Amino acid sequence: MVLDLLVIGTAITLGPLHNSAFILLLSSRRGVRQGLAFLLSWLANLIAVIACVVLLTGGQPPARHSVPSTATIAAKLAIGLALVLYGAHRHRRPPHPHGPPRWTARIDNASPATAAGLAWLLQPWAMVGAGAATAVDADLSTLTDWLALTGYCLLATLSLIIMEMYTVWAPTAANARLNALRGWLEQHQEQLIVTLSLLLGLYLMARSIYQLVA
């Protein structure tokens, strides 16, 4: 479970869409406050999903090869397959230029509530779902699994935490460097989405098939 959460959390935090949007929020007139609202909403979403899973399982993993266990593995397999198909589709489709989303024109006047809602919209829910399916195996009677779930939520938020802290400590340098990073992310957005989708999808499929037959 720990390895799976590590891989999924890393894939989530490296996603280009939410990182680009977060940098744009940080560069706005009330950037630190809007960025904090986005970050807290993002983290709260992850925690809420894990909390729902824990409530359903009671903090006890299902027995191996039981119906709930098999259904959870099958769900991860389906998510992995969906990610692979999505990545392949994005890779095959012809490149086409696209302008920035409409909301970027109103970013300076956005409220913290808007920033928080944007975090919910940009959450990679397929990957979050894979994390939730993995959390089914958590045994909350052990400290290790508590730490694993906490570490997963923080890892999936790590890029936002680093950028928020950088902006607070060195706003001038952060503005220049983060905007340069946003330009790079937007330029390589398709490649990053395809790579992350394919790699995580293949990993989930391989792990799920192994768990089904082992």
Protein backbone atom coordinates (compact mmCIF):
# COMPACT_ATOMS: atom_id res chain seq x y z
CA MET A 1 0.00 0.00 0.00
CA VAL A 2 2.79 2.42 0.90
CA LEU A 3 4.50 2.03 -2.49
CA ASP A 4 1.22 2.50 -4.35
CA LEU A 5 0.38 5.66 -2.39
CA LEU A 6 3.88 6.99 -3.05
CA VAL A 7 3.53 6.48 -6.81
CA ILE A 8 0.00 7.90 -6.97
CA GLY A 9 0.83 10.89 -4.78
CA THR A 10 3.85 11.71 -6.94
CA ALA A 11 1.78 11.54 -10.13
CA ILE A 12 -0.84 13.85 -8.63
CA THR A 13 1.62 16.49 -7.42
CA LEU A 14 3.41 16.62 -10.80
CA GLY A 15 0.24 17.31 -12.80
CA PRO A 16 0.68 20.35 -15.06
CA LEU A 17 -2.89 21.68 -15.04
CA HIS A 18 -3.31 22.47 -11.36
CA ASN A 19 0.28 23.66 -11.01
CA SER A 20 -0.14 26.13 -13.88
CA ALA A 21 -3.40 27.41 -12.41
CA PHE A 22 -1.83 27.73 -8.97
CA ILE A 23 1.09 29.78 -10.31
CA LEU A 24 -1.39 32.07 -12.06
CA LEU A 25 -3.24 32.55 -8.79
CA LEU A 26 -0.01 33.35 -6.95
CA SER A 27 0.88 36.02 -9.51
CA SER A 28 -2.47 37.79 -9.09
CA ARG A 29 -3.12 40.86 -6.94
CA ARG A 30 -3.96 38.86 -3.79
CA GLY A 31 -1.88 35.91 -4.78
CA VAL A 32 -0.78 34.57 -1.40
CA ARG A 33 -4.32 34.54 -0.01
CA GLN A 34 -5.82 33.01 -3.15
CA GLY A 35 -3.02 30.46 -3.31
CA LEU A 36 -3.63 29.49 0.30
CA ALA A 37 -7.35 29.03 -0.37
CA PHE A 38 -6.54 26.82 -3.37
CA LEU A 39 -3.97 24.81 -1.39
CA LEU A 40 -6.23 24.22 1.61
CA SER A 41 -9.15 23.23 -0.61
CA TRP A 42 -6.92 20.83 -2.55
CA LEU A 43 -5.65 19.21 0.64
CA ALA A 44 -9.13 19.11 2.18
CA ASN A 45 -10.46 17.28 -0.88
CA LEU A 46 -7.78 14.61 -0.55
CA ILE A 47 -8.38 14.22 3.19
CA ALA A 48 -12.15 14.05 2.70
CA VAL A 49 -11.83 11.22 0.16
CA ILE A 50 -9.53 9.24 2.46
CA ALA A 51 -11.82 9.90 5.43
CA CYS A 52 -14.81 8.52 3.50
CA VAL A 53 -12.85 5.36 2.68
CA VAL A 54 -11.81 4.91 6.32
CA LEU A 55 -15.41 5.36 7.47
CA LEU A 56 -16.57 2.70 5.02
CA THR A 57 -13.90 0.18 6.01
CA GLY A 58 -13.84 1.01 9.70
CA GLY A 59 -10.07 1.28 9.46
CA GLN A 60 -9.74 -2.46 8.84
CA PRO A 61 -8.60 -3.82 5.45
CA PRO A 62 -10.83 -6.44 3.82
CA ALA A 63 -9.67 -10.04 3.88
CA ARG A 64 -7.46 -11.06 1.00
CA HIS A 65 -9.37 -12.54 -1.98
CA SER A 66 -12.69 -11.57 -0.40
CA VAL A 67 -15.37 -9.92 -2.52
CA PRO A 68 -14.60 -6.37 -1.24
CA SER A 69 -10.88 -6.89 -1.75
CA THR A 70 -11.34 -8.22 -5.28
CA ALA A 71 -13.74 -5.38 -6.13
CA THR A 72 -11.22 -2.80 -4.92
CA ILE A 73 -8.43 -4.31 -7.02
CA ALA A 74 -10.75 -4.46 -10.02
CA ALA A 75 -11.54 -0.76 -9.54
CA LYS A 76 -7.83 0.08 -9.56
CA LEU A 77 -7.39 -2.03 -12.67
CA ALA A 78 -10.24 -0.15 -14.37
CA ILE A 79 -8.76 3.21 -13.37
CA GLY A 80 -5.36 2.13 -14.69
CA LEU A 81 -6.89 1.03 -17.99
CA ALA A 82 -8.81 4.30 -18.27
CA LEU A 83 -5.62 6.30 -17.68
CA VAL A 84 -3.75 4.32 -20.35
CA LEU A 85 -6.55 4.81 -22.87
CA TYR A 86 -6.77 8.51 -22.03
CA GLY A 87 -3.02 8.95 -22.39
CA ALA A 88 -3.01 7.08 -25.71
CA HIS A 89 -5.90 9.20 -26.97
CA ARG A 90 -4.13 12.45 -26.03
CA HIS A 91 -0.96 11.18 -27.70
CA ARG A 92 -2.66 10.25 -30.98
CA ARG A 93 -4.80 13.31 -31.43
CA PRO A 94 -3.28 16.03 -33.64
CA PRO A 95 -1.84 19.00 -31.76
CA HIS A 96 -3.97 22.10 -31.84
CA PRO A 97 -3.30 25.50 -30.28
CA HIS A 98 -5.59 26.53 -27.49
CA GLY A 99 -5.76 29.75 -25.59
CA PRO A 100 -5.86 30.13 -21.82
CA PRO A 101 -9.13 29.26 -20.03
CA ARG A 102 -11.69 32.05 -19.75
CA TRP A 103 -11.36 32.30 -15.99
CA THR A 104 -7.76 33.50 -16.29
CA ALA A 105 -9.00 36.91 -17.49
CA ARG A 106 -10.84 37.40 -14.18
CA ILE A 107 -8.21 36.00 -11.88
CA ASP A 108 -7.33 39.33 -10.20
CA ASN A 109 -10.91 39.78 -9.03
CA ALA A 110 -11.41 36.18 -7.94
CA SER A 111 -12.35 35.54 -4.32
CA PRO A 112 -10.74 32.92 -2.08
CA ALA A 113 -13.94 30.90 -2.45
CA THR A 114 -13.46 30.90 -6.22
CA ALA A 115 -9.86 29.77 -5.80
CA ALA A 116 -11.03 26.98 -3.50
CA GLY A 117 -13.63 25.87 -6.04
CA LEU A 118 -11.01 25.88 -8.77
CA ALA A 119 -8.91 23.45 -6.73
CA TRP A 120 -11.87 21.08 -6.60
CA LEU A 121 -12.41 21.33 -10.37
CA LEU A 122 -8.74 20.75 -11.22
CA GLN A 123 -8.27 17.76 -8.91
CA PRO A 124 -7.24 14.73 -11.05
CA TRP A 125 -10.15 12.65 -9.84
CA ALA A 126 -9.12 9.42 -11.57
CA MET A 127 -5.79 9.49 -9.73
CA VAL A 128 -7.51 10.50 -6.50
CA GLY A 129 -9.85 7.54 -7.01
CA ALA A 130 -6.85 5.25 -7.35
CA GLY A 131 -5.52 6.64 -4.08
CA ALA A 132 -8.89 6.00 -2.42
CA ALA A 133 -8.97 2.42 -3.70
CA THR A 134 -5.47 1.91 -2.31
CA ALA A 135 -6.48 3.37 1.07
CA VAL A 136 -9.02 0.56 1.45
CA ASP A 137 -6.09 -1.63 2.52
CA ALA A 138 -5.15 0.72 5.38
CA ASP A 139 -5.08 -0.78 8.85
CA LEU A 140 -5.55 2.16 11.18
CA SER A 141 -4.57 0.12 14.21
CA THR A 142 -0.96 0.58 13.08
CA LEU A 143 1.01 3.83 13.14
CA THR A 144 2.66 2.97 9.82
CA ASP A 145 -0.59 3.13 7.88
CA TRP A 146 -1.60 6.39 9.57
CA LEU A 147 1.71 7.87 8.49
CA ALA A 148 1.31 6.43 4.98
CA LEU A 149 -2.09 8.07 4.49
CA THR A 150 -0.88 11.38 5.93
CA GLY A 151 2.23 11.27 3.77
CA TYR A 152 0.13 10.55 0.67
CA CYS A 153 -2.06 13.61 1.21
CA LEU A 154 0.97 15.82 1.83
CA LEU A 155 2.90 14.39 -1.12
CA ALA A 156 -0.04 15.01 -3.47
CA THR A 157 -0.02 18.63 -2.26
CA LEU A 158 3.76 19.06 -2.11
CA SER A 159 4.22 21.17 -5.25
CA LEU A 160 1.58 23.64 -4.03
CA ILE A 161 3.12 23.85 -0.56
CA ILE A 162 6.57 24.57 -1.98
CA MET A 163 5.31 27.28 -4.34
CA GLU A 164 3.17 28.93 -1.65
CA MET A 165 6.07 29.04 0.81
CA TYR A 166 8.45 30.32 -1.86
CA THR A 167 6.07 33.16 -2.71
CA VAL A 168 5.74 34.12 0.96
CA TRP A 169 9.48 34.11 1.62
CA ALA A 170 10.78 35.62 -1.63
CA PRO A 171 7.89 37.16 -3.59
CA THR A 172 9.94 38.96 -6.23
CA ALA A 173 12.16 36.01 -7.11
CA ALA A 174 9.22 33.61 -6.89
CA ASN A 175 7.11 35.65 -9.29
CA ALA A 176 9.78 35.58 -12.00
CA ARG A 177 10.76 31.95 -11.59
CA LEU A 178 7.26 30.57 -11.15
CA ASN A 179 5.99 32.42 -14.21
CA ALA A 180 8.88 30.95 -16.18
CA LEU A 181 7.87 27.53 -14.84
CA ARG A 182 4.25 28.14 -15.86
CA GLY A 183 5.37 28.95 -19.40
CA TRP A 184 7.33 25.70 -19.52
CA LEU A 185 4.42 23.70 -18.13
CA GLU A 186 2.00 25.15 -20.68
CA GLN A 187 4.46 24.47 -23.50
CA HIS A 188 4.89 20.82 -22.44
CA GLN A 189 1.42 20.26 -21.06
CA GLU A 190 0.39 17.55 -23.52
CA GLN A 191 3.62 15.58 -23.10
CA LEU A 192 3.32 15.71 -19.31
CA ILE A 193 -0.32 14.63 -19.27
CA VAL A 194 0.37 11.75 -21.64
CA THR A 195 3.46 10.60 -19.76
CA LEU A 196 1.87 10.72 -16.30
CA SER A 197 -1.33 9.03 -17.51
CA LEU A 198 0.50 6.21 -19.27
CA LEU A 199 3.06 5.58 -16.53
CA LEU A 200 0.57 5.58 -13.66
CA GLY A 201 -2.01 3.66 -15.69
CA LEU A 202 0.46 0.92 -16.60
CA TYR A 203 1.67 0.73 -13.01
CA LEU A 204 -1.86 0.36 -11.64
CA MET A 205 -2.73 -2.28 -14.21
CA ALA A 206 0.42 -4.31 -13.50
CA ARG A 207 -0.04 -4.13 -9.75
CA SER A 208 -3.74 -4.98 -9.94
CA ILE A 209 -3.24 -7.97 -12.23
CA TYR A 210 -0.49 -9.28 -9.94
CA GLN A 211 -2.73 -8.92 -6.89
CA LEU A 212 -5.61 -10.71 -8.63
CA VAL A 213 -3.56 -13.73 -9.66
CA ALA A 214 -1.20 -13.95 -6.66
